[in-house]
Amino acid sequence: MRKTTLLLMLSVCGLISASAQTATKMEAESAAYENCKLIEDGKYSGGKALELTEGNAKITFTYTAAESGKYTITVGYDGLYGDKVVNLSVNGNAATFNTTEKGPGEAVVGPYLMNKGDNMIEITPNWTWFRIDYITIASSPITRMAFAVEEEMKNSSSN
């Protein structure tokens, strides 16, 4: 039983240290964008955000991954007038997320599989009238782990 507890504790410690990795932050105003309005306001990181009021608005970030793998994206947004649905795609793999409040907030989207090298992250409106402040990208700490719990349980019960 002690071996099982130790094994589980070490696995949890590994997950905690993996999740402490730093994320890459990318400001929306530094991305390529079309049909968006640049807003200057001190409440946004970098003092700026992009407002999407047109159905054909688009923000395109290029993220260069050091290695292929799973990555989680966090989007800093401002819901302006309440809940909105926002489209986000990575290399053409689409999903949506909701802005869940008026004012600045964050939405975690992913994980996405990204390739080593350049990856295209695109944000477009499903509903309009929201702002995008930034995105952060971090490698996903969730990995497949092998546990020998059954074998450990058998060994500990025979003691």
N, C-alpha and C. Protein backbone atom coordinates (compact mmCIF):
# COMPACT_ATOMS: atom_id res chain seq x y z
N MET A 1 0.82 -1.19 0.00
CA MET A 1 0.00 0.00 0.00
C MET A 1 0.87 1.26 0.00
N ARG A 2 2.01 1.19 0.73
CA ARG A 2 2.90 2.35 0.78
C ARG A 2 3.48 2.66 -0.59
N LYS A 3 3.80 1.61 -1.35
CA LYS A 3 4.34 1.81 -2.69
C LYS A 3 3.31 2.47 -3.59
N THR A 4 2.05 2.08 -3.47
CA THR A 4 0.98 2.66 -4.28
C THR A 4 0.81 4.14 -3.95
N THR A 5 0.80 4.45 -2.66
CA THR A 5 0.66 5.85 -2.23
C THR A 5 1.83 6.67 -2.73
N LEU A 6 3.04 6.16 -2.61
CA LEU A 6 4.22 6.86 -3.08
C LEU A 6 4.16 7.07 -4.59
N LEU A 7 3.77 6.05 -5.33
CA LEU A 7 3.65 6.15 -6.78
C LEU A 7 2.65 7.24 -7.17
N LEU A 8 1.50 7.27 -6.52
CA LEU A 8 0.50 8.28 -6.81
C LEU A 8 0.98 9.67 -6.45
N MET A 9 1.67 9.82 -5.33
CA MET A 9 2.19 11.12 -4.91
C MET A 9 3.22 11.64 -5.89
N LEU A 10 4.11 10.77 -6.35
CA LEU A 10 5.11 11.18 -7.33
C LEU A 10 4.47 11.59 -8.65
N SER A 11 3.42 10.89 -9.06
CA SER A 11 2.72 11.23 -10.30
C SER A 11 2.06 12.59 -10.19
N VAL A 12 1.43 12.89 -9.06
CA VAL A 12 0.81 14.19 -8.85
C VAL A 12 1.85 15.29 -8.85
N CYS A 13 2.99 15.06 -8.21
CA CYS A 13 4.07 16.05 -8.21
C CYS A 13 4.56 16.32 -9.63
N GLY A 14 4.64 15.30 -10.45
CA GLY A 14 5.03 15.48 -11.85
C GLY A 14 4.04 16.32 -12.61
N LEU A 15 2.75 16.13 -12.37
CA LEU A 15 1.73 16.94 -13.03
C LEU A 15 1.79 18.38 -12.58
N ILE A 16 2.01 18.61 -11.29
CA ILE A 16 2.09 19.97 -10.77
C ILE A 16 3.28 20.70 -11.37
N SER A 17 4.43 20.07 -11.43
CA SER A 17 5.61 20.74 -12.00
C SER A 17 5.43 20.97 -13.49
N ALA A 18 4.76 20.07 -14.20
CA ALA A 18 4.53 20.27 -15.63
C ALA A 18 3.59 21.43 -15.87
N SER A 19 2.60 21.62 -14.98
CA SER A 19 1.64 22.69 -15.20
C SER A 19 2.21 24.05 -14.83
N ALA A 20 3.38 24.09 -14.20
CA ALA A 20 3.99 25.34 -13.83
C ALA A 20 4.77 25.96 -14.99
N GLN A 21 4.70 25.37 -16.17
CA GLN A 21 5.40 25.89 -17.32
C GLN A 21 4.85 27.27 -17.68
N THR A 22 5.70 28.08 -18.26
CA THR A 22 5.26 29.42 -18.64
C THR A 22 4.57 29.37 -20.00
N ALA A 23 3.66 30.31 -20.19
CA ALA A 23 2.92 30.41 -21.43
C ALA A 23 3.48 31.55 -22.27
N THR A 24 3.28 31.47 -23.57
CA THR A 24 3.65 32.54 -24.48
C THR A 24 2.45 33.45 -24.64
N LYS A 25 2.61 34.74 -24.39
CA LYS A 25 1.52 35.70 -24.53
C LYS A 25 1.70 36.47 -25.84
N MET A 26 0.60 36.57 -26.58
CA MET A 26 0.61 37.29 -27.86
C MET A 26 -0.51 38.33 -27.84
N GLU A 27 -0.16 39.59 -28.03
CA GLU A 27 -1.13 40.68 -28.04
C GLU A 27 -1.90 40.69 -29.36
N ALA A 28 -3.20 40.91 -29.29
CA ALA A 28 -4.04 40.91 -30.49
C ALA A 28 -3.61 42.00 -31.47
N GLU A 29 -3.26 43.16 -30.95
CA GLU A 29 -2.89 44.26 -31.84
C GLU A 29 -1.60 44.01 -32.61
N SER A 30 -0.81 43.02 -32.18
CA SER A 30 0.42 42.66 -32.89
C SER A 30 0.19 41.56 -33.92
N ALA A 31 -1.00 40.98 -33.94
CA ALA A 31 -1.35 39.93 -34.91
C ALA A 31 -1.80 40.59 -36.22
N ALA A 32 -1.94 39.77 -37.25
CA ALA A 32 -2.54 40.26 -38.50
C ALA A 32 -4.05 40.34 -38.27
N TYR A 33 -4.68 41.42 -38.72
CA TYR A 33 -6.13 41.53 -38.53
C TYR A 33 -6.79 42.28 -39.67
N GLU A 34 -8.06 41.92 -39.88
CA GLU A 34 -8.88 42.52 -40.94
C GLU A 34 -10.23 42.93 -40.36
N ASN A 35 -10.71 44.09 -40.76
CA ASN A 35 -12.04 44.59 -40.39
C ASN A 35 -12.25 44.64 -38.88
N CYS A 36 -11.20 44.95 -38.14
CA CYS A 36 -11.26 45.12 -36.69
C CYS A 36 -10.90 46.57 -36.37
N LYS A 37 -11.40 47.05 -35.26
CA LYS A 37 -11.10 48.40 -34.82
C LYS A 37 -10.11 48.32 -33.67
N LEU A 38 -8.99 49.06 -33.77
CA LEU A 38 -8.00 49.10 -32.71
C LEU A 38 -8.49 50.04 -31.62
N ILE A 39 -8.60 49.52 -30.40
CA ILE A 39 -9.09 50.28 -29.24
C ILE A 39 -7.91 50.52 -28.30
N GLU A 40 -7.74 51.77 -27.88
CA GLU A 40 -6.70 52.08 -26.90
C GLU A 40 -7.38 52.36 -25.57
N ASP A 41 -7.02 51.55 -24.56
CA ASP A 41 -7.61 51.68 -23.24
C ASP A 41 -6.67 51.01 -22.24
N GLY A 42 -6.37 51.68 -21.15
CA GLY A 42 -5.45 51.17 -20.15
C GLY A 42 -5.89 49.90 -19.45
N LYS A 43 -7.17 49.51 -19.59
CA LYS A 43 -7.62 48.28 -18.92
C LYS A 43 -7.15 47.02 -19.65
N TYR A 44 -6.63 47.18 -20.87
CA TYR A 44 -6.15 46.03 -21.64
C TYR A 44 -4.64 45.90 -21.51
N SER A 45 -4.15 44.64 -21.57
CA SER A 45 -2.69 44.45 -21.52
C SER A 45 -2.09 45.11 -22.75
N GLY A 46 -1.02 45.79 -22.57
CA GLY A 46 -0.42 46.53 -23.68
C GLY A 46 -1.18 47.80 -24.01
N GLY A 47 -2.27 48.06 -23.29
CA GLY A 47 -3.05 49.29 -23.50
C GLY A 47 -3.93 49.28 -24.74
N LYS A 48 -4.04 48.11 -25.41
CA LYS A 48 -4.81 48.05 -26.65
C LYS A 48 -5.55 46.72 -26.75
N ALA A 49 -6.61 46.72 -27.56
CA ALA A 49 -7.36 45.50 -27.89
C ALA A 49 -7.97 45.70 -29.27
N LEU A 50 -8.46 44.62 -29.86
CA LEU A 50 -9.13 44.70 -31.16
C LEU A 50 -10.62 44.44 -30.96
N GLU A 51 -11.44 45.31 -31.55
CA GLU A 51 -12.90 45.17 -31.46
C GLU A 51 -13.42 44.55 -32.75
N LEU A 52 -14.25 43.52 -32.60
CA LEU A 52 -14.83 42.82 -33.74
C LEU A 52 -16.32 43.16 -33.80
N THR A 53 -16.69 44.05 -34.71
CA THR A 53 -18.09 44.46 -34.84
C THR A 53 -18.68 44.03 -36.18
N GLU A 54 -17.83 43.59 -37.09
CA GLU A 54 -18.27 43.18 -38.42
C GLU A 54 -18.22 41.66 -38.55
N GLY A 55 -19.15 41.10 -39.28
CA GLY A 55 -19.21 39.66 -39.48
C GLY A 55 -17.99 39.08 -40.17
N ASN A 56 -17.27 39.90 -40.95
CA ASN A 56 -16.09 39.42 -41.67
C ASN A 56 -14.78 39.82 -40.98
N ALA A 57 -14.85 40.18 -39.70
CA ALA A 57 -13.64 40.52 -38.95
C ALA A 57 -12.82 39.25 -38.69
N LYS A 58 -11.50 39.43 -38.61
CA LYS A 58 -10.63 38.27 -38.41
C LYS A 58 -9.31 38.71 -37.77
N ILE A 59 -8.85 37.94 -36.81
CA ILE A 59 -7.53 38.13 -36.20
C ILE A 59 -6.76 36.83 -36.43
N THR A 60 -5.54 36.95 -36.97
CA THR A 60 -4.72 35.77 -37.24
C THR A 60 -3.38 35.89 -36.51
N PHE A 61 -3.16 34.97 -35.58
CA PHE A 61 -1.90 34.88 -34.86
C PHE A 61 -1.07 33.78 -35.50
N THR A 62 0.24 33.96 -35.57
CA THR A 62 1.15 32.91 -36.00
C THR A 62 2.00 32.53 -34.80
N TYR A 63 1.86 31.28 -34.37
CA TYR A 63 2.61 30.77 -33.22
C TYR A 63 3.61 29.74 -33.71
N THR A 64 4.88 29.94 -33.37
CA THR A 64 5.92 29.01 -33.76
C THR A 64 6.21 28.08 -32.58
N ALA A 65 5.78 26.83 -32.72
CA ALA A 65 5.96 25.84 -31.66
C ALA A 65 7.35 25.22 -31.77
N ALA A 66 7.98 25.06 -30.61
CA ALA A 66 9.31 24.44 -30.58
C ALA A 66 9.24 22.95 -30.90
N GLU A 67 8.08 22.34 -30.59
CA GLU A 67 7.90 20.91 -30.88
C GLU A 67 6.44 20.62 -31.10
N SER A 68 6.16 19.53 -31.77
CA SER A 68 4.78 19.09 -31.98
C SER A 68 4.22 18.62 -30.64
N GLY A 69 2.91 18.84 -30.45
CA GLY A 69 2.29 18.38 -29.22
C GLY A 69 0.97 19.07 -28.96
N LYS A 70 0.45 18.84 -27.76
CA LYS A 70 -0.81 19.45 -27.35
C LYS A 70 -0.54 20.79 -26.69
N TYR A 71 -1.35 21.79 -27.08
CA TYR A 71 -1.22 23.14 -26.54
C TYR A 71 -2.59 23.65 -26.15
N THR A 72 -2.64 24.39 -25.05
CA THR A 72 -3.88 25.01 -24.59
C THR A 72 -3.78 26.51 -24.84
N ILE A 73 -4.87 27.08 -25.34
CA ILE A 73 -4.93 28.51 -25.63
C ILE A 73 -5.88 29.17 -24.64
N THR A 74 -5.44 30.27 -24.08
CA THR A 74 -6.29 31.10 -23.24
C THR A 74 -6.48 32.42 -23.96
N VAL A 75 -7.74 32.85 -24.09
CA VAL A 75 -8.05 34.09 -24.81
C VAL A 75 -8.50 35.15 -23.81
N GLY A 76 -7.83 36.29 -23.83
CA GLY A 76 -8.25 37.43 -23.03
C GLY A 76 -9.22 38.25 -23.87
N TYR A 77 -10.41 38.48 -23.36
CA TYR A 77 -11.46 39.15 -24.13
C TYR A 77 -12.17 40.19 -23.29
N ASP A 78 -13.01 40.97 -23.94
CA ASP A 78 -13.93 41.89 -23.28
C ASP A 78 -15.29 41.66 -23.93
N GLY A 79 -16.24 41.16 -23.15
CA GLY A 79 -17.56 40.81 -23.69
C GLY A 79 -18.43 42.00 -24.04
N LEU A 80 -18.05 43.19 -23.65
CA LEU A 80 -18.77 44.44 -23.93
C LEU A 80 -20.23 44.42 -23.47
N TYR A 81 -21.08 43.73 -24.19
CA TYR A 81 -22.52 43.77 -23.91
C TYR A 81 -23.05 42.43 -23.39
N GLY A 82 -22.16 41.57 -22.89
CA GLY A 82 -22.60 40.30 -22.35
C GLY A 82 -22.09 39.11 -23.13
N ASP A 83 -22.75 38.00 -22.96
CA ASP A 83 -22.32 36.72 -23.54
C ASP A 83 -22.27 36.77 -25.07
N LYS A 84 -21.19 36.24 -25.62
CA LYS A 84 -21.01 36.13 -27.07
C LYS A 84 -20.41 34.77 -27.38
N VAL A 85 -20.59 34.33 -28.60
CA VAL A 85 -19.94 33.11 -29.09
C VAL A 85 -18.85 33.55 -30.06
N VAL A 86 -17.66 32.99 -29.87
CA VAL A 86 -16.50 33.38 -30.67
C VAL A 86 -15.92 32.12 -31.31
N ASN A 87 -15.54 32.23 -32.59
CA ASN A 87 -14.90 31.12 -33.31
C ASN A 87 -13.39 31.21 -33.13
N LEU A 88 -12.77 30.07 -32.90
CA LEU A 88 -11.32 29.99 -32.82
C LEU A 88 -10.89 28.73 -33.57
N SER A 89 -9.90 28.86 -34.43
CA SER A 89 -9.39 27.68 -35.12
C SER A 89 -7.87 27.67 -35.06
N VAL A 90 -7.32 26.47 -35.02
CA VAL A 90 -5.88 26.28 -35.06
C VAL A 90 -5.59 25.38 -36.25
N ASN A 91 -4.86 25.93 -37.22
CA ASN A 91 -4.53 25.19 -38.44
C ASN A 91 -5.78 24.59 -39.08
N GLY A 92 -6.89 25.32 -39.03
CA GLY A 92 -8.13 24.88 -39.64
C GLY A 92 -9.02 24.01 -38.77
N ASN A 93 -8.56 23.62 -37.59
CA ASN A 93 -9.37 22.83 -36.65
C ASN A 93 -10.17 23.78 -35.79
N ALA A 94 -11.49 23.84 -36.03
CA ALA A 94 -12.33 24.87 -35.44
C ALA A 94 -12.99 24.45 -34.14
N ALA A 95 -13.23 25.46 -33.31
CA ALA A 95 -13.99 25.31 -32.06
C ALA A 95 -14.65 26.66 -31.78
N THR A 96 -15.46 26.72 -30.76
CA THR A 96 -16.02 27.99 -30.32
C THR A 96 -15.80 28.11 -28.82
N PHE A 97 -15.86 29.33 -28.34
CA PHE A 97 -15.86 29.58 -26.90
C PHE A 97 -16.80 30.74 -26.65
N ASN A 98 -17.20 30.89 -25.40
CA ASN A 98 -18.12 31.96 -25.03
C ASN A 98 -17.42 33.00 -24.19
N THR A 99 -17.74 34.27 -24.45
CA THR A 99 -17.40 35.31 -23.50
C THR A 99 -18.53 35.25 -22.49
N THR A 100 -18.23 35.09 -21.25
CA THR A 100 -19.27 34.80 -20.27
C THR A 100 -19.62 35.97 -19.37
N GLU A 101 -19.11 37.12 -19.66
CA GLU A 101 -19.40 38.26 -18.79
C GLU A 101 -19.16 39.56 -19.53
N LYS A 102 -19.79 40.61 -19.03
CA LYS A 102 -19.45 41.94 -19.52
C LYS A 102 -18.11 42.30 -18.93
N GLY A 103 -17.32 42.99 -19.70
CA GLY A 103 -16.01 43.39 -19.22
C GLY A 103 -14.97 42.34 -19.50
N PRO A 104 -13.72 42.60 -19.11
CA PRO A 104 -12.62 41.69 -19.39
C PRO A 104 -12.78 40.34 -18.69
N GLY A 105 -12.36 39.28 -19.38
CA GLY A 105 -12.37 37.93 -18.85
C GLY A 105 -11.41 37.07 -19.65
N GLU A 106 -11.35 35.80 -19.30
CA GLU A 106 -10.50 34.85 -20.02
C GLU A 106 -11.29 33.59 -20.30
N ALA A 107 -11.00 32.97 -21.43
CA ALA A 107 -11.59 31.69 -21.80
C ALA A 107 -10.45 30.74 -22.16
N VAL A 108 -10.49 29.54 -21.61
CA VAL A 108 -9.50 28.51 -21.92
C VAL A 108 -10.06 27.63 -23.03
N VAL A 109 -9.30 27.49 -24.10
CA VAL A 109 -9.74 26.72 -25.27
C VAL A 109 -8.66 25.70 -25.59
N GLY A 110 -9.07 24.46 -25.78
CA GLY A 110 -8.08 23.45 -26.15
C GLY A 110 -8.19 22.25 -25.25
N PRO A 111 -7.28 21.33 -25.35
CA PRO A 111 -6.02 21.45 -26.06
C PRO A 111 -6.17 21.21 -27.56
N TYR A 112 -5.24 21.77 -28.29
CA TYR A 112 -5.12 21.59 -29.73
C TYR A 112 -3.80 20.90 -30.03
N LEU A 113 -3.79 20.07 -31.05
CA LEU A 113 -2.53 19.52 -31.54
C LEU A 113 -1.89 20.56 -32.45
N MET A 114 -0.65 20.89 -32.18
CA MET A 114 0.09 21.83 -33.02
C MET A 114 1.32 21.15 -33.56
N ASN A 115 1.74 21.63 -34.71
CA ASN A 115 2.92 21.11 -35.38
C ASN A 115 4.15 21.88 -34.93
N LYS A 116 5.30 21.24 -35.03
CA LYS A 116 6.55 21.96 -34.82
C LYS A 116 6.64 23.01 -35.92
N GLY A 117 7.00 24.23 -35.57
CA GLY A 117 7.07 25.31 -36.54
C GLY A 117 5.84 26.20 -36.45
N ASP A 118 5.50 26.85 -37.56
CA ASP A 118 4.42 27.84 -37.58
C ASP A 118 3.03 27.19 -37.55
N ASN A 119 2.17 27.74 -36.71
CA ASN A 119 0.77 27.33 -36.57
C ASN A 119 -0.08 28.58 -36.64
N MET A 120 -1.19 28.48 -37.37
CA MET A 120 -2.09 29.63 -37.55
C MET A 120 -3.28 29.51 -36.61
N ILE A 121 -3.48 30.55 -35.80
CA ILE A 121 -4.60 30.62 -34.87
C ILE A 121 -5.46 31.78 -35.32
N GLU A 122 -6.72 31.49 -35.63
CA GLU A 122 -7.62 32.49 -36.19
C GLU A 122 -8.83 32.68 -35.29
N ILE A 123 -9.17 33.93 -35.02
CA ILE A 123 -10.36 34.28 -34.25
C ILE A 123 -11.29 35.08 -35.14
N THR A 124 -12.53 34.62 -35.23
CA THR A 124 -13.56 35.32 -36.00
C THR A 124 -14.85 35.36 -35.16
N PRO A 125 -15.73 36.28 -35.49
CA PRO A 125 -16.97 36.35 -34.70
C PRO A 125 -18.01 35.33 -35.15
N ASN A 126 -18.70 34.77 -34.19
CA ASN A 126 -19.93 34.04 -34.44
C ASN A 126 -21.05 35.04 -34.19
N TRP A 127 -20.91 35.75 -33.08
CA TRP A 127 -21.69 36.95 -32.77
C TRP A 127 -20.68 38.08 -32.68
N THR A 128 -21.05 39.26 -33.07
CA THR A 128 -20.12 40.39 -33.05
C THR A 128 -20.24 41.20 -31.76
N TRP A 129 -19.47 42.26 -31.71
CA TRP A 129 -19.42 43.21 -30.60
C TRP A 129 -18.76 42.62 -29.36
N PHE A 130 -17.48 42.30 -29.54
CA PHE A 130 -16.61 41.91 -28.43
C PHE A 130 -15.20 42.36 -28.79
N ARG A 131 -14.32 42.31 -27.84
CA ARG A 131 -12.93 42.69 -28.06
C ARG A 131 -12.01 41.54 -27.66
N ILE A 132 -10.91 41.43 -28.39
CA ILE A 132 -9.87 40.46 -28.07
C ILE A 132 -8.64 41.25 -27.64
N ASP A 133 -8.14 40.91 -26.45
CA ASP A 133 -6.98 41.59 -25.88
C ASP A 133 -5.69 40.83 -26.21
N TYR A 134 -5.68 39.52 -25.96
CA TYR A 134 -4.47 38.72 -26.14
C TYR A 134 -4.85 37.24 -26.17
N ILE A 135 -3.87 36.42 -26.51
CA ILE A 135 -3.96 34.98 -26.29
C ILE A 135 -2.68 34.54 -25.58
N THR A 136 -2.80 33.48 -24.81
CA THR A 136 -1.61 32.82 -24.28
C THR A 136 -1.64 31.37 -24.75
N ILE A 137 -0.47 30.83 -24.99
CA ILE A 137 -0.35 29.46 -25.49
C ILE A 137 0.64 28.74 -24.59
N ALA A 138 0.21 27.58 -24.09
CA ALA A 138 1.08 26.78 -23.22
C ALA A 138 0.97 25.32 -23.63
N SER A 139 2.09 24.61 -23.57
CA SER A 139 2.02 23.18 -23.86
C SER A 139 1.15 22.54 -22.79
N SER A 140 0.32 21.63 -23.22
CA SER A 140 -0.64 20.99 -22.31
C SER A 140 0.08 19.99 -21.43
N PRO A 141 -0.08 20.11 -20.10
CA PRO A 141 0.62 19.20 -19.20
C PRO A 141 -0.04 17.83 -19.10
N ILE A 142 -1.18 17.66 -19.71
CA ILE A 142 -1.91 16.39 -19.61
C ILE A 142 -1.29 15.39 -20.57
N THR A 143 -0.73 14.35 -20.03
CA THR A 143 -0.13 13.30 -20.84
C THR A 143 -0.62 11.96 -20.33
N ARG A 144 -0.45 10.97 -21.15
CA ARG A 144 -0.84 9.62 -20.76
C ARG A 144 0.20 9.09 -19.78
N MET A 145 -0.26 8.54 -18.65
CA MET A 145 0.66 8.00 -17.66
C MET A 145 0.29 6.55 -17.37
N ALA A 146 1.30 5.73 -17.24
CA ALA A 146 1.05 4.32 -16.94
C ALA A 146 1.11 4.13 -15.43
N PHE A 147 0.10 3.50 -14.88
CA PHE A 147 0.07 3.20 -13.46
C PHE A 147 0.07 1.69 -13.29
N ALA A 148 0.85 1.24 -12.34
CA ALA A 148 0.89 -0.18 -12.02
C ALA A 148 0.15 -0.39 -10.70
N VAL A 149 -0.99 0.24 -10.53
CA VAL A 149 -1.73 0.19 -9.28
C VAL A 149 -2.23 -1.22 -8.99
N GLU A 150 -2.75 -1.90 -10.00
CA GLU A 150 -3.28 -3.25 -9.77
C GLU A 150 -2.18 -4.18 -9.26
N GLU A 151 -1.03 -4.12 -9.88
CA GLU A 151 0.09 -4.96 -9.46
C GLU A 151 0.53 -4.57 -8.05
N GLU A 152 0.59 -3.28 -7.76
CA GLU A 152 0.99 -2.82 -6.43
C GLU A 152 -0.02 -3.26 -5.38
N MET A 153 -1.29 -3.21 -5.72
CA MET A 153 -2.34 -3.62 -4.78
C MET A 153 -2.19 -5.11 -4.46
N LYS A 154 -1.90 -5.91 -5.49
CA LYS A 154 -1.72 -7.34 -5.30
C LYS A 154 -0.52 -7.61 -4.39
N ASN A 155 0.58 -6.89 -4.62
CA ASN A 155 1.78 -7.07 -3.81
C ASN A 155 1.57 -6.63 -2.38
N SER A 156 0.87 -5.52 -2.17
CA SER A 156 0.66 -5.01 -0.82
C SER A 156 -0.33 -5.87 -0.03
N SER A 157 -1.28 -6.48 -0.69
CA SER A 157 -2.24 -7.32 0.02
C SER A 157 -1.64 -8.65 0.45
N SER A 158 -0.56 -9.06 -0.20
CA SER A 158 0.08 -10.32 0.18
C SER A 158 1.05 -10.13 1.33
N ASN A 159 1.32 -8.88 1.74
CA ASN A 159 2.23 -8.63 2.87
C ASN A 159 1.55 -8.72 4.19
